[in-house]
């Protein structure tokens, strides 16, 4: 059995799920984790953040429910309103980090969310991946090269297809996959203990 985590790096609810995910991964080092990027802000949804008028209200709800922190750097982006969230670029970043350290994919996905939601860094900017990679002890230049290369773009598209094939309709979604059996453990928000009970019932 493995865990499949389907998220979007520009999804506030995915940011809120970072702590339970990290806790669950720490509790179950024996379970591989496949990280899949969703395509929340692609095509016509790549518009200035001010056009999503619900963002601040949703963030307050996420913070209250999950305890997730939204930092000053991110709040400045919201206040300015011109920033454009591009899930394809973020998915290329996930692919580049995942390639550098596949066994740490879940940890790096949460680091990516912190870079945006706490520090206010753009997930379209190569400098963001240089910093993340260096902080994680990875080869920063190799990660940046991968982010900018054609393979990451192909992997991003493959992730979006994988998300659809898994039947994911909202982010984040955590699945347990055992052969042909796919069980949804969480969608939106859940505590680690709740997911733990579901996992125990599968064994």
N, C-alpha and C. Protein backbone atom coordinates (compact mmCIF):
# COMPACT_ATOMS: atom_id res chain seq x y z
N UNK A 1 0.84 -1.19 0.00
CA UNK A 1 0.00 0.00 0.00
C UNK A 1 0.88 1.25 0.00
N UNK A 2 0.36 2.31 -0.64
CA UNK A 2 1.04 3.59 -0.60
C UNK A 2 0.00 4.69 -0.41
N UNK A 3 0.49 5.87 -0.02
CA UNK A 3 -0.36 7.05 0.07
C UNK A 3 -0.17 7.87 -1.20
N UNK A 4 -1.26 8.42 -1.69
CA UNK A 4 -1.20 9.34 -2.83
C UNK A 4 -1.80 10.66 -2.37
N UNK A 5 -0.97 11.68 -2.40
CA UNK A 5 -1.39 13.02 -1.95
C UNK A 5 -1.58 13.90 -3.18
N UNK A 6 -2.82 14.30 -3.43
CA UNK A 6 -3.13 15.14 -4.58
C UNK A 6 -3.45 16.54 -4.04
N UNK A 7 -2.67 17.51 -4.45
CA UNK A 7 -2.80 18.85 -3.89
C UNK A 7 -2.51 19.88 -4.96
N UNK A 8 -2.76 21.13 -4.65
CA UNK A 8 -2.30 22.21 -5.51
C UNK A 8 -1.52 23.17 -4.63
N UNK A 9 -0.33 23.52 -5.05
CA UNK A 9 0.54 24.36 -4.22
C UNK A 9 -0.07 25.74 -3.98
N UNK A 10 -1.00 26.14 -4.84
CA UNK A 10 -1.68 27.43 -4.67
C UNK A 10 -3.06 27.27 -4.03
N UNK A 11 -3.30 26.16 -3.38
CA UNK A 11 -4.58 25.92 -2.71
C UNK A 11 -4.41 26.14 -1.20
N UNK A 12 -5.18 27.07 -0.64
CA UNK A 12 -5.07 27.36 0.78
C UNK A 12 -5.42 26.18 1.66
N UNK A 13 -6.39 25.38 1.25
CA UNK A 13 -6.75 24.20 2.04
C UNK A 13 -5.63 23.17 2.03
N UNK A 14 -4.89 23.10 0.92
CA UNK A 14 -3.71 22.21 0.89
C UNK A 14 -2.66 22.71 1.88
N UNK A 15 -2.48 24.02 1.95
CA UNK A 15 -1.55 24.59 2.94
C UNK A 15 -2.00 24.21 4.35
N UNK A 16 -3.30 24.28 4.60
CA UNK A 16 -3.84 23.90 5.90
C UNK A 16 -3.64 22.44 6.25
N UNK A 17 -3.44 21.63 5.21
CA UNK A 17 -3.27 20.18 5.42
C UNK A 17 -1.79 19.80 5.62
N UNK A 18 -0.90 20.77 5.51
CA UNK A 18 0.54 20.47 5.58
C UNK A 18 0.93 19.79 6.89
N UNK A 19 0.45 20.31 8.02
CA UNK A 19 0.85 19.73 9.31
C UNK A 19 0.35 18.30 9.49
N UNK A 20 -0.94 18.00 9.24
CA UNK A 20 -1.38 16.60 9.35
C UNK A 20 -0.62 15.67 8.41
N UNK A 21 -0.33 16.15 7.21
CA UNK A 21 0.40 15.31 6.25
C UNK A 21 1.79 14.98 6.78
N UNK A 22 2.50 15.99 7.25
CA UNK A 22 3.85 15.75 7.76
C UNK A 22 3.83 14.81 8.97
N UNK A 23 2.82 14.99 9.82
CA UNK A 23 2.71 14.12 10.99
C UNK A 23 2.46 12.68 10.58
N UNK A 24 1.57 12.50 9.62
CA UNK A 24 1.24 11.15 9.15
C UNK A 24 2.45 10.47 8.50
N UNK A 25 3.17 11.23 7.68
CA UNK A 25 4.35 10.68 7.02
C UNK A 25 5.41 10.29 8.06
N UNK A 26 5.56 11.10 9.11
CA UNK A 26 6.53 10.79 10.17
C UNK A 26 6.13 9.52 10.92
N UNK A 27 4.82 9.34 11.11
CA UNK A 27 4.35 8.14 11.82
C UNK A 27 4.50 6.87 10.98
N UNK A 28 4.49 7.01 9.66
CA UNK A 28 4.48 5.83 8.78
C UNK A 28 5.61 5.88 7.76
N UNK A 29 6.86 5.79 8.22
CA UNK A 29 7.97 5.81 7.27
C UNK A 29 7.95 4.63 6.31
N UNK A 30 7.19 3.59 6.68
CA UNK A 30 7.12 2.40 5.81
C UNK A 30 6.21 2.60 4.60
N UNK A 31 5.40 3.67 4.61
CA UNK A 31 4.45 3.89 3.51
C UNK A 31 5.03 4.88 2.50
N UNK A 32 5.23 4.43 1.25
CA UNK A 32 5.65 5.39 0.23
C UNK A 32 4.55 6.43 0.01
N UNK A 33 4.96 7.64 -0.35
CA UNK A 33 4.00 8.71 -0.62
C UNK A 33 4.24 9.24 -2.04
N UNK A 34 3.21 9.12 -2.86
CA UNK A 34 3.25 9.71 -4.20
C UNK A 34 2.57 11.07 -4.12
N UNK A 35 3.26 12.11 -4.56
CA UNK A 35 2.71 13.46 -4.55
C UNK A 35 2.32 13.85 -5.97
N UNK A 36 1.07 14.26 -6.12
CA UNK A 36 0.52 14.60 -7.44
C UNK A 36 -0.01 16.03 -7.40
N UNK A 37 0.40 16.84 -8.37
CA UNK A 37 -0.09 18.22 -8.45
C UNK A 37 -1.41 18.28 -9.19
N UNK A 38 -2.34 19.09 -8.63
CA UNK A 38 -3.58 19.37 -9.33
C UNK A 38 -3.44 20.66 -10.13
N UNK A 39 -4.39 20.92 -10.98
CA UNK A 39 -4.33 22.12 -11.83
C UNK A 39 -5.42 23.10 -11.49
N UNK A 40 -5.34 23.69 -10.31
CA UNK A 40 -6.41 24.56 -9.84
C UNK A 40 -6.46 25.89 -10.61
N UNK A 41 -5.28 26.46 -10.85
CA UNK A 41 -5.22 27.75 -11.53
C UNK A 41 -4.46 27.60 -12.85
N UNK A 42 -5.18 27.17 -13.86
CA UNK A 42 -4.62 27.01 -15.20
C UNK A 42 -5.58 27.67 -16.19
N UNK A 43 -5.11 27.86 -17.41
CA UNK A 43 -5.97 28.43 -18.44
C UNK A 43 -6.56 29.76 -18.02
N UNK A 44 -7.88 29.87 -18.15
CA UNK A 44 -8.58 31.11 -17.85
C UNK A 44 -8.61 31.48 -16.39
N UNK A 45 -8.18 30.56 -15.50
CA UNK A 45 -8.15 30.87 -14.07
C UNK A 45 -6.82 31.50 -13.65
N UNK A 46 -5.92 31.70 -14.60
CA UNK A 46 -4.66 32.41 -14.30
C UNK A 46 -4.91 33.91 -14.44
N UNK A 47 -5.45 34.48 -13.38
CA UNK A 47 -5.80 35.90 -13.37
C UNK A 47 -5.28 36.51 -12.07
N UNK A 48 -5.21 37.84 -11.98
CA UNK A 48 -4.75 38.47 -10.74
C UNK A 48 -5.56 38.01 -9.53
N UNK A 49 -4.86 37.83 -8.42
CA UNK A 49 -5.46 37.24 -7.21
C UNK A 49 -6.63 38.09 -6.70
N UNK A 50 -6.65 39.37 -7.03
CA UNK A 50 -7.76 40.22 -6.57
C UNK A 50 -9.10 39.76 -7.15
N UNK A 51 -9.06 39.00 -8.27
CA UNK A 51 -10.31 38.56 -8.89
C UNK A 51 -10.95 37.40 -8.11
N UNK A 52 -10.22 36.83 -7.18
CA UNK A 52 -10.78 35.79 -6.31
C UNK A 52 -11.14 36.44 -4.98
N UNK A 53 -12.30 37.06 -4.96
CA UNK A 53 -12.69 37.87 -3.81
C UNK A 53 -12.89 37.09 -2.52
N UNK A 54 -13.02 35.77 -2.64
CA UNK A 54 -13.28 34.94 -1.46
C UNK A 54 -12.02 34.56 -0.70
N UNK A 55 -10.84 34.89 -1.24
CA UNK A 55 -9.59 34.35 -0.71
C UNK A 55 -9.39 34.67 0.77
N UNK A 56 -9.55 35.92 1.15
CA UNK A 56 -9.25 36.28 2.54
C UNK A 56 -10.22 35.62 3.52
N UNK A 57 -11.50 35.55 3.16
CA UNK A 57 -12.46 34.87 4.01
C UNK A 57 -12.14 33.40 4.15
N UNK A 58 -11.77 32.78 3.04
CA UNK A 58 -11.41 31.36 3.07
C UNK A 58 -10.16 31.14 3.92
N UNK A 59 -9.19 32.03 3.80
CA UNK A 59 -7.95 31.88 4.57
C UNK A 59 -8.22 31.98 6.07
N UNK A 60 -9.12 32.87 6.46
CA UNK A 60 -9.48 32.99 7.88
C UNK A 60 -10.10 31.70 8.38
N UNK A 61 -10.95 31.10 7.54
CA UNK A 61 -11.59 29.82 7.90
C UNK A 61 -10.55 28.70 8.01
N UNK A 62 -9.62 28.68 7.05
CA UNK A 62 -8.55 27.66 7.04
C UNK A 62 -7.69 27.79 8.30
N UNK A 63 -7.32 29.02 8.63
CA UNK A 63 -6.47 29.26 9.81
C UNK A 63 -7.19 28.83 11.08
N UNK A 64 -8.48 29.14 11.17
CA UNK A 64 -9.24 28.79 12.36
C UNK A 64 -9.39 27.28 12.50
N UNK A 65 -9.65 26.62 11.39
CA UNK A 65 -9.93 25.19 11.43
C UNK A 65 -8.67 24.34 11.57
N UNK A 66 -7.58 24.77 10.92
CA UNK A 66 -6.38 23.93 10.85
C UNK A 66 -5.20 24.47 11.66
N UNK A 67 -5.25 25.75 12.04
CA UNK A 67 -4.11 26.35 12.72
C UNK A 67 -3.00 26.79 11.78
N UNK A 68 -3.22 26.67 10.46
CA UNK A 68 -2.19 27.06 9.49
C UNK A 68 -1.94 28.56 9.57
N UNK A 69 -0.70 28.94 9.34
CA UNK A 69 -0.31 30.35 9.44
C UNK A 69 -0.15 30.95 8.04
N UNK A 70 -0.66 32.15 7.87
CA UNK A 70 -0.47 32.90 6.64
C UNK A 70 0.43 34.09 6.99
N UNK A 71 1.58 34.16 6.33
CA UNK A 71 2.61 35.11 6.75
C UNK A 71 2.46 36.49 6.13
N UNK A 72 3.31 37.40 6.61
CA UNK A 72 3.25 38.79 6.16
C UNK A 72 3.59 38.93 4.67
N UNK A 73 4.52 38.11 4.20
CA UNK A 73 4.88 38.17 2.78
C UNK A 73 3.70 37.84 1.90
N UNK A 74 2.95 36.83 2.29
CA UNK A 74 1.75 36.45 1.55
C UNK A 74 0.68 37.53 1.67
N UNK A 75 0.49 38.06 2.86
CA UNK A 75 -0.53 39.11 3.06
C UNK A 75 -0.25 40.32 2.19
N UNK A 76 1.03 40.62 1.96
CA UNK A 76 1.37 41.74 1.07
C UNK A 76 0.93 41.47 -0.36
N UNK A 77 1.08 40.21 -0.79
CA UNK A 77 0.61 39.83 -2.13
C UNK A 77 -0.90 40.02 -2.25
N UNK A 78 -1.62 39.60 -1.23
CA UNK A 78 -3.08 39.75 -1.23
C UNK A 78 -3.47 41.23 -1.28
N UNK A 79 -2.80 42.03 -0.49
CA UNK A 79 -3.11 43.47 -0.42
C UNK A 79 -2.85 44.14 -1.76
N UNK A 80 -1.77 43.75 -2.43
CA UNK A 80 -1.44 44.34 -3.73
C UNK A 80 -2.44 43.87 -4.80
N UNK A 81 -2.74 42.57 -4.80
CA UNK A 81 -3.79 42.04 -5.66
C UNK A 81 -3.41 41.69 -7.08
N UNK A 82 -2.19 42.03 -7.52
CA UNK A 82 -1.83 41.82 -8.93
C UNK A 82 -1.18 40.47 -9.19
N UNK A 83 -0.81 39.75 -8.14
CA UNK A 83 -0.10 38.48 -8.30
C UNK A 83 -0.99 37.46 -9.01
N UNK A 84 -0.40 36.72 -9.95
CA UNK A 84 -1.13 35.69 -10.70
C UNK A 84 -0.65 34.31 -10.27
N UNK A 85 -1.56 33.51 -9.76
CA UNK A 85 -1.23 32.13 -9.38
C UNK A 85 -1.28 31.26 -10.63
N UNK A 86 -0.22 30.51 -10.87
CA UNK A 86 -0.10 29.66 -12.06
C UNK A 86 0.23 28.24 -11.61
N UNK A 87 -0.79 27.39 -11.61
CA UNK A 87 -0.59 26.03 -11.09
C UNK A 87 0.31 25.18 -11.97
N UNK A 88 0.42 25.52 -13.25
CA UNK A 88 1.32 24.76 -14.12
C UNK A 88 2.76 24.99 -13.71
N UNK A 89 3.11 26.25 -13.42
CA UNK A 89 4.47 26.55 -12.97
C UNK A 89 4.76 25.88 -11.63
N UNK A 90 3.78 25.93 -10.71
CA UNK A 90 3.96 25.28 -9.41
C UNK A 90 4.14 23.77 -9.57
N UNK A 91 3.39 23.19 -10.49
CA UNK A 91 3.51 21.74 -10.72
C UNK A 91 4.87 21.38 -11.31
N UNK A 92 5.42 22.28 -12.13
CA UNK A 92 6.79 22.06 -12.63
C UNK A 92 7.77 22.10 -11.47
N UNK A 93 7.53 23.00 -10.53
CA UNK A 93 8.39 23.07 -9.35
C UNK A 93 8.31 21.82 -8.50
N UNK A 94 7.09 21.32 -8.31
CA UNK A 94 6.91 20.07 -7.57
C UNK A 94 7.67 18.94 -8.27
N UNK A 95 7.56 18.89 -9.60
CA UNK A 95 8.25 17.84 -10.36
C UNK A 95 9.76 17.93 -10.20
N UNK A 96 10.28 19.15 -10.21
CA UNK A 96 11.73 19.34 -10.08
C UNK A 96 12.22 18.92 -8.70
N UNK A 97 11.50 19.31 -7.66
CA UNK A 97 11.87 18.94 -6.29
C UNK A 97 11.71 17.43 -6.08
N UNK A 98 10.64 16.89 -6.63
CA UNK A 98 10.35 15.45 -6.50
C UNK A 98 11.46 14.63 -7.15
N UNK A 99 11.95 15.11 -8.27
CA UNK A 99 13.01 14.39 -8.97
C UNK A 99 14.30 14.40 -8.15
N UNK A 100 14.56 15.52 -7.47
CA UNK A 100 15.80 15.64 -6.70
C UNK A 100 15.80 14.75 -5.46
N UNK A 101 14.60 14.56 -4.85
CA UNK A 101 14.51 13.75 -3.62
C UNK A 101 13.13 13.09 -3.55
N UNK A 102 12.92 12.04 -4.35
CA UNK A 102 11.59 11.43 -4.43
C UNK A 102 11.05 10.94 -3.09
N UNK A 103 11.94 10.49 -2.23
CA UNK A 103 11.49 9.96 -0.93
C UNK A 103 11.07 11.08 0.02
N UNK A 104 11.36 12.33 -0.33
CA UNK A 104 11.00 13.48 0.51
C UNK A 104 9.92 14.34 -0.15
N UNK A 105 9.19 13.77 -1.10
CA UNK A 105 8.26 14.55 -1.91
C UNK A 105 7.20 15.25 -1.07
N UNK A 106 6.66 14.56 -0.06
CA UNK A 106 5.61 15.16 0.77
C UNK A 106 6.16 16.34 1.57
N UNK A 107 7.32 16.16 2.16
CA UNK A 107 7.96 17.24 2.93
C UNK A 107 8.23 18.45 2.04
N UNK A 108 8.74 18.20 0.82
CA UNK A 108 9.07 19.29 -0.08
C UNK A 108 7.82 20.00 -0.59
N UNK A 109 6.73 19.25 -0.75
CA UNK A 109 5.46 19.87 -1.16
C UNK A 109 4.99 20.86 -0.10
N UNK A 110 5.13 20.49 1.18
CA UNK A 110 4.72 21.41 2.24
C UNK A 110 5.68 22.60 2.33
N UNK A 111 6.96 22.38 2.05
CA UNK A 111 7.92 23.49 2.01
C UNK A 111 7.53 24.50 0.93
N UNK A 112 7.07 23.97 -0.20
CA UNK A 112 6.66 24.82 -1.31
C UNK A 112 5.47 25.69 -0.92
N UNK A 113 4.54 25.09 -0.19
CA UNK A 113 3.37 25.86 0.24
C UNK A 113 3.76 26.93 1.26
N UNK A 114 4.69 26.60 2.13
CA UNK A 114 5.16 27.60 3.10
C UNK A 114 5.83 28.77 2.37
N UNK A 115 6.56 28.47 1.31
CA UNK A 115 7.24 29.52 0.55
C UNK A 115 6.23 30.54 0.03
N UNK A 116 5.07 30.06 -0.39
CA UNK A 116 4.05 30.98 -0.91
C UNK A 116 3.22 31.58 0.21
N UNK A 117 2.63 30.72 1.04
CA UNK A 117 1.63 31.19 2.00
C UNK A 117 2.21 31.88 3.24
N UNK A 118 3.47 31.67 3.50
CA UNK A 118 4.11 32.35 4.64
C UNK A 118 5.05 33.45 4.14
N UNK A 119 5.94 33.07 3.20
CA UNK A 119 6.97 34.02 2.76
C UNK A 119 6.55 34.89 1.58
N UNK A 120 5.45 34.50 0.91
CA UNK A 120 4.97 35.30 -0.22
C UNK A 120 5.84 35.20 -1.45
N UNK A 121 6.53 34.06 -1.62
CA UNK A 121 7.39 33.88 -2.79
C UNK A 121 6.59 33.32 -3.96
N UNK A 122 6.93 33.74 -5.16
CA UNK A 122 6.25 33.25 -6.36
C UNK A 122 6.71 31.84 -6.70
N UNK A 123 5.76 30.97 -7.00
CA UNK A 123 6.09 29.60 -7.39
C UNK A 123 6.34 29.50 -8.89
N UNK A 124 6.40 30.66 -9.54
CA UNK A 124 6.81 30.73 -10.95
C UNK A 124 8.25 31.20 -11.09
N UNK A 125 8.87 31.57 -9.98
CA UNK A 125 10.20 32.18 -9.98
C UNK A 125 11.28 31.13 -9.69
N UNK A 126 12.24 30.94 -10.61
CA UNK A 126 13.32 29.98 -10.36
C UNK A 126 14.05 30.22 -9.04
N UNK A 127 14.15 31.49 -8.62
CA UNK A 127 14.85 31.80 -7.37
C UNK A 127 14.19 31.13 -6.17
N UNK A 128 12.87 30.94 -6.23
CA UNK A 128 12.16 30.27 -5.14
C UNK A 128 12.65 28.83 -5.00
N UNK A 129 12.86 28.17 -6.12
CA UNK A 129 13.30 26.77 -6.08
C UNK A 129 14.77 26.66 -5.72
N UNK A 130 15.54 27.67 -6.09
CA UNK A 130 16.95 27.69 -5.68
C UNK A 130 17.03 27.74 -4.15
N UNK A 131 16.20 28.61 -3.55
CA UNK A 131 16.20 28.76 -2.10
C UNK A 131 15.67 27.49 -1.42
N UNK A 132 14.55 26.97 -1.91
CA UNK A 132 13.97 25.76 -1.31
C UNK A 132 14.94 24.60 -1.36
N UNK A 133 15.56 24.42 -2.52
CA UNK A 133 16.50 23.30 -2.68
C UNK A 133 17.69 23.46 -1.74
N UNK A 134 18.24 24.67 -1.68
CA UNK A 134 19.40 24.91 -0.81
C UNK A 134 19.02 24.66 0.65
N UNK A 135 17.85 25.16 1.06
CA UNK A 135 17.41 24.97 2.44
C UNK A 135 17.21 23.49 2.78
N UNK A 136 16.85 22.70 1.76
CA UNK A 136 16.61 21.27 1.97
C UNK A 136 17.86 20.43 1.78
N UNK A 137 18.99 21.09 1.48
CA UNK A 137 20.24 20.36 1.28
C UNK A 137 20.33 19.65 -0.05
N UNK A 138 19.59 20.15 -1.05
CA UNK A 138 19.61 19.55 -2.38
C UNK A 138 20.49 20.38 -3.31
N UNK A 139 20.76 19.84 -4.47
CA UNK A 139 21.55 20.55 -5.48
C UNK A 139 20.66 21.64 -6.10
N UNK A 140 20.85 22.87 -5.66
CA UNK A 140 19.96 23.96 -6.05
C UNK A 140 19.97 24.21 -7.56
N UNK A 141 21.17 24.18 -8.16
CA UNK A 141 21.24 24.47 -9.60
C UNK A 141 20.57 23.36 -10.42
N UNK A 142 20.69 22.12 -9.95
CA UNK A 142 20.04 21.01 -10.65
C UNK A 142 18.53 21.13 -10.57
N UNK A 143 18.03 21.56 -9.41
CA UNK A 143 16.57 21.74 -9.24
C UNK A 143 16.07 22.85 -10.14
N UNK A 144 16.79 23.97 -10.20
CA UNK A 144 16.38 25.09 -11.06
C UNK A 144 16.41 24.66 -12.53
N UNK A 145 17.45 23.94 -12.91
CA UNK A 145 17.53 23.47 -14.31
C UNK A 145 16.36 22.55 -14.64
N UNK A 146 16.01 21.69 -13.69
CA UNK A 146 14.87 20.78 -13.92
C UNK A 146 13.57 21.57 -14.02
N UNK A 147 13.41 22.57 -13.15
CA UNK A 147 12.20 23.41 -13.17
C UNK A 147 12.02 24.08 -14.53
N UNK A 148 13.11 24.50 -15.13
CA UNK A 148 13.05 25.23 -16.39
C UNK A 148 13.08 24.32 -17.61
N UNK A 149 13.27 23.00 -17.40
CA UNK A 149 13.41 22.08 -18.52
C UNK A 149 12.09 21.49 -19.00
N UNK A 150 12.10 20.86 -20.17
CA UNK A 150 10.88 20.32 -20.75
C UNK A 150 10.30 19.12 -19.99
N UNK A 151 11.16 18.37 -19.30
CA UNK A 151 10.66 17.19 -18.59
C UNK A 151 9.70 17.58 -17.47
N UNK A 152 10.01 18.68 -16.77
CA UNK A 152 9.13 19.10 -15.68
C UNK A 152 7.77 19.53 -16.23
N UNK A 153 7.76 20.19 -17.37
CA UNK A 153 6.49 20.60 -17.99
C UNK A 153 5.67 19.37 -18.37
N UNK A 154 6.35 18.34 -18.89
CA UNK A 154 5.64 17.10 -19.24
C UNK A 154 5.11 16.41 -17.99
N UNK A 155 5.90 16.44 -16.92
CA UNK A 155 5.46 15.82 -15.67
C UNK A 155 4.27 16.56 -15.06
N UNK A 156 4.27 17.89 -15.20
CA UNK A 156 3.14 18.68 -14.70
C UNK A 156 1.85 18.27 -15.40
N UNK A 157 1.91 18.15 -16.72
CA UNK A 157 0.73 17.72 -17.47
C UNK A 157 0.31 16.31 -17.08
N UNK A 158 1.30 15.44 -16.86
CA UNK A 158 1.00 14.07 -16.43
C UNK A 158 0.34 14.04 -15.06
N UNK A 159 0.78 14.93 -14.17
CA UNK A 159 0.17 15.03 -12.85
C UNK A 159 -1.29 15.42 -12.96
N UNK A 160 -1.59 16.41 -13.80
CA UNK A 160 -2.98 16.86 -13.95
C UNK A 160 -3.85 15.71 -14.46
N UNK A 161 -3.30 14.92 -15.39
CA UNK A 161 -4.05 13.74 -15.90
C UNK A 161 -4.24 12.71 -14.80
N UNK A 162 -3.20 12.48 -14.02
CA UNK A 162 -3.26 11.49 -12.93
C UNK A 162 -4.32 11.89 -11.91
N UNK A 163 -4.37 13.17 -11.58
CA UNK A 163 -5.37 13.67 -10.64
C UNK A 163 -6.77 13.38 -11.15
N UNK A 164 -6.99 13.64 -12.44
CA UNK A 164 -8.31 13.40 -13.03
C UNK A 164 -8.64 11.91 -13.05
N UNK A 165 -7.65 11.08 -13.40
CA UNK A 165 -7.87 9.63 -13.46
C UNK A 165 -8.20 9.05 -12.09
N UNK A 166 -7.67 9.65 -11.05
CA UNK A 166 -7.96 9.19 -9.69
C UNK A 166 -9.34 9.66 -9.21
N UNK A 167 -9.99 10.49 -10.02
CA UNK A 167 -11.32 10.96 -9.66
C UNK A 167 -11.32 12.06 -8.61
N UNK A 168 -10.18 12.76 -8.47
CA UNK A 168 -10.09 13.81 -7.46
C UNK A 168 -10.88 15.03 -7.92
N UNK A 169 -11.76 15.52 -7.05
CA UNK A 169 -12.60 16.66 -7.38
C UNK A 169 -12.31 17.88 -6.51
N UNK A 170 -11.45 17.73 -5.52
CA UNK A 170 -11.11 18.85 -4.65
C UNK A 170 -9.74 18.64 -4.02
N UNK A 171 -9.09 19.73 -3.69
CA UNK A 171 -7.75 19.66 -3.09
C UNK A 171 -7.79 20.18 -1.67
N UNK A 172 -6.99 19.57 -0.79
CA UNK A 172 -6.17 18.38 -1.02
C UNK A 172 -7.01 17.12 -0.88
N UNK A 173 -6.55 16.05 -1.50
CA UNK A 173 -7.14 14.73 -1.31
C UNK A 173 -6.02 13.76 -0.99
N UNK A 174 -6.21 12.98 0.06
CA UNK A 174 -5.24 11.95 0.43
C UNK A 174 -5.88 10.59 0.22
N UNK A 175 -5.21 9.75 -0.55
CA UNK A 175 -5.74 8.43 -0.90
C UNK A 175 -4.80 7.35 -0.39
N UNK A 176 -5.37 6.20 -0.05
CA UNK A 176 -4.59 4.98 0.16
C UNK A 176 -4.80 4.11 -1.07
N UNK A 177 -3.72 3.72 -1.70
CA UNK A 177 -3.81 2.91 -2.92
C UNK A 177 -3.10 1.59 -2.67
N UNK A 178 -3.84 0.52 -2.86
CA UNK A 178 -3.30 -0.84 -2.66
C UNK A 178 -3.73 -1.66 -3.85
N UNK A 179 -2.83 -1.77 -4.84
CA UNK A 179 -3.20 -2.47 -6.06
C UNK A 179 -4.31 -1.71 -6.77
N UNK A 180 -5.44 -2.39 -6.98
CA UNK A 180 -6.59 -1.76 -7.64
C UNK A 180 -7.48 -1.01 -6.66
N UNK A 181 -7.26 -1.21 -5.38
CA UNK A 181 -8.13 -0.60 -4.37
C UNK A 181 -7.66 0.82 -4.06
N UNK A 182 -8.58 1.77 -4.16
CA UNK A 182 -8.29 3.17 -3.85
C UNK A 182 -9.29 3.64 -2.80
N UNK A 183 -8.78 4.08 -1.66
CA UNK A 183 -9.63 4.54 -0.56
C UNK A 183 -9.29 5.99 -0.24
N UNK A 184 -10.31 6.83 -0.20
CA UNK A 184 -10.07 8.23 0.16
C UNK A 184 -9.97 8.36 1.67
N UNK A 185 -8.83 8.86 2.14
CA UNK A 185 -8.59 9.03 3.57
C UNK A 185 -8.98 10.42 4.05
N UNK A 186 -8.84 11.41 3.18
CA UNK A 186 -9.16 12.79 3.57
C UNK A 186 -9.37 13.63 2.33
N UNK A 187 -10.25 14.61 2.46
CA UNK A 187 -10.40 15.64 1.43
C UNK A 187 -10.71 16.96 2.11
N UNK A 188 -9.98 17.99 1.74
CA UNK A 188 -10.21 19.30 2.34
C UNK A 188 -9.42 19.46 3.62
N UNK A 189 -9.92 18.92 4.71
CA UNK A 189 -9.18 19.00 5.98
C UNK A 189 -9.48 17.77 6.82
N UNK A 190 -8.52 17.37 7.60
CA UNK A 190 -8.67 16.25 8.53
C UNK A 190 -7.48 16.27 9.47
N UNK A 191 -7.68 15.73 10.66
CA UNK A 191 -6.58 15.64 11.62
C UNK A 191 -5.85 14.31 11.41
N UNK A 192 -4.58 14.30 11.80
CA UNK A 192 -3.77 13.11 11.62
C UNK A 192 -4.39 11.90 12.32
N UNK A 193 -4.95 12.09 13.52
CA UNK A 193 -5.53 10.97 14.25
C UNK A 193 -6.74 10.38 13.52
N UNK A 194 -7.52 11.25 12.87
CA UNK A 194 -8.67 10.76 12.11
C UNK A 194 -8.22 9.90 10.94
N UNK A 195 -7.18 10.37 10.25
CA UNK A 195 -6.65 9.60 9.12
C UNK A 195 -6.04 8.30 9.62
N UNK A 196 -5.40 8.37 10.75
CA UNK A 196 -4.78 7.18 11.35
C UNK A 196 -5.81 6.08 11.58
N UNK A 197 -6.96 6.47 12.10
CA UNK A 197 -8.02 5.47 12.35
C UNK A 197 -8.49 4.82 11.05
N UNK A 198 -8.63 5.62 10.00
CA UNK A 198 -9.03 5.08 8.70
C UNK A 198 -7.97 4.12 8.17
N UNK A 199 -6.71 4.53 8.30
CA UNK A 199 -5.62 3.67 7.84
C UNK A 199 -5.61 2.33 8.55
N UNK A 200 -5.83 2.38 9.87
CA UNK A 200 -5.85 1.16 10.68
C UNK A 200 -6.95 0.21 10.24
N UNK A 201 -8.07 0.79 9.81
CA UNK A 201 -9.19 -0.04 9.40
C UNK A 201 -8.95 -0.75 8.07
N UNK A 202 -7.94 -0.31 7.32
CA UNK A 202 -7.64 -0.92 6.03
C UNK A 202 -6.73 -2.13 6.15
N UNK A 203 -6.03 -2.23 7.28
CA UNK A 203 -5.03 -3.31 7.40
C UNK A 203 -5.69 -4.61 7.84
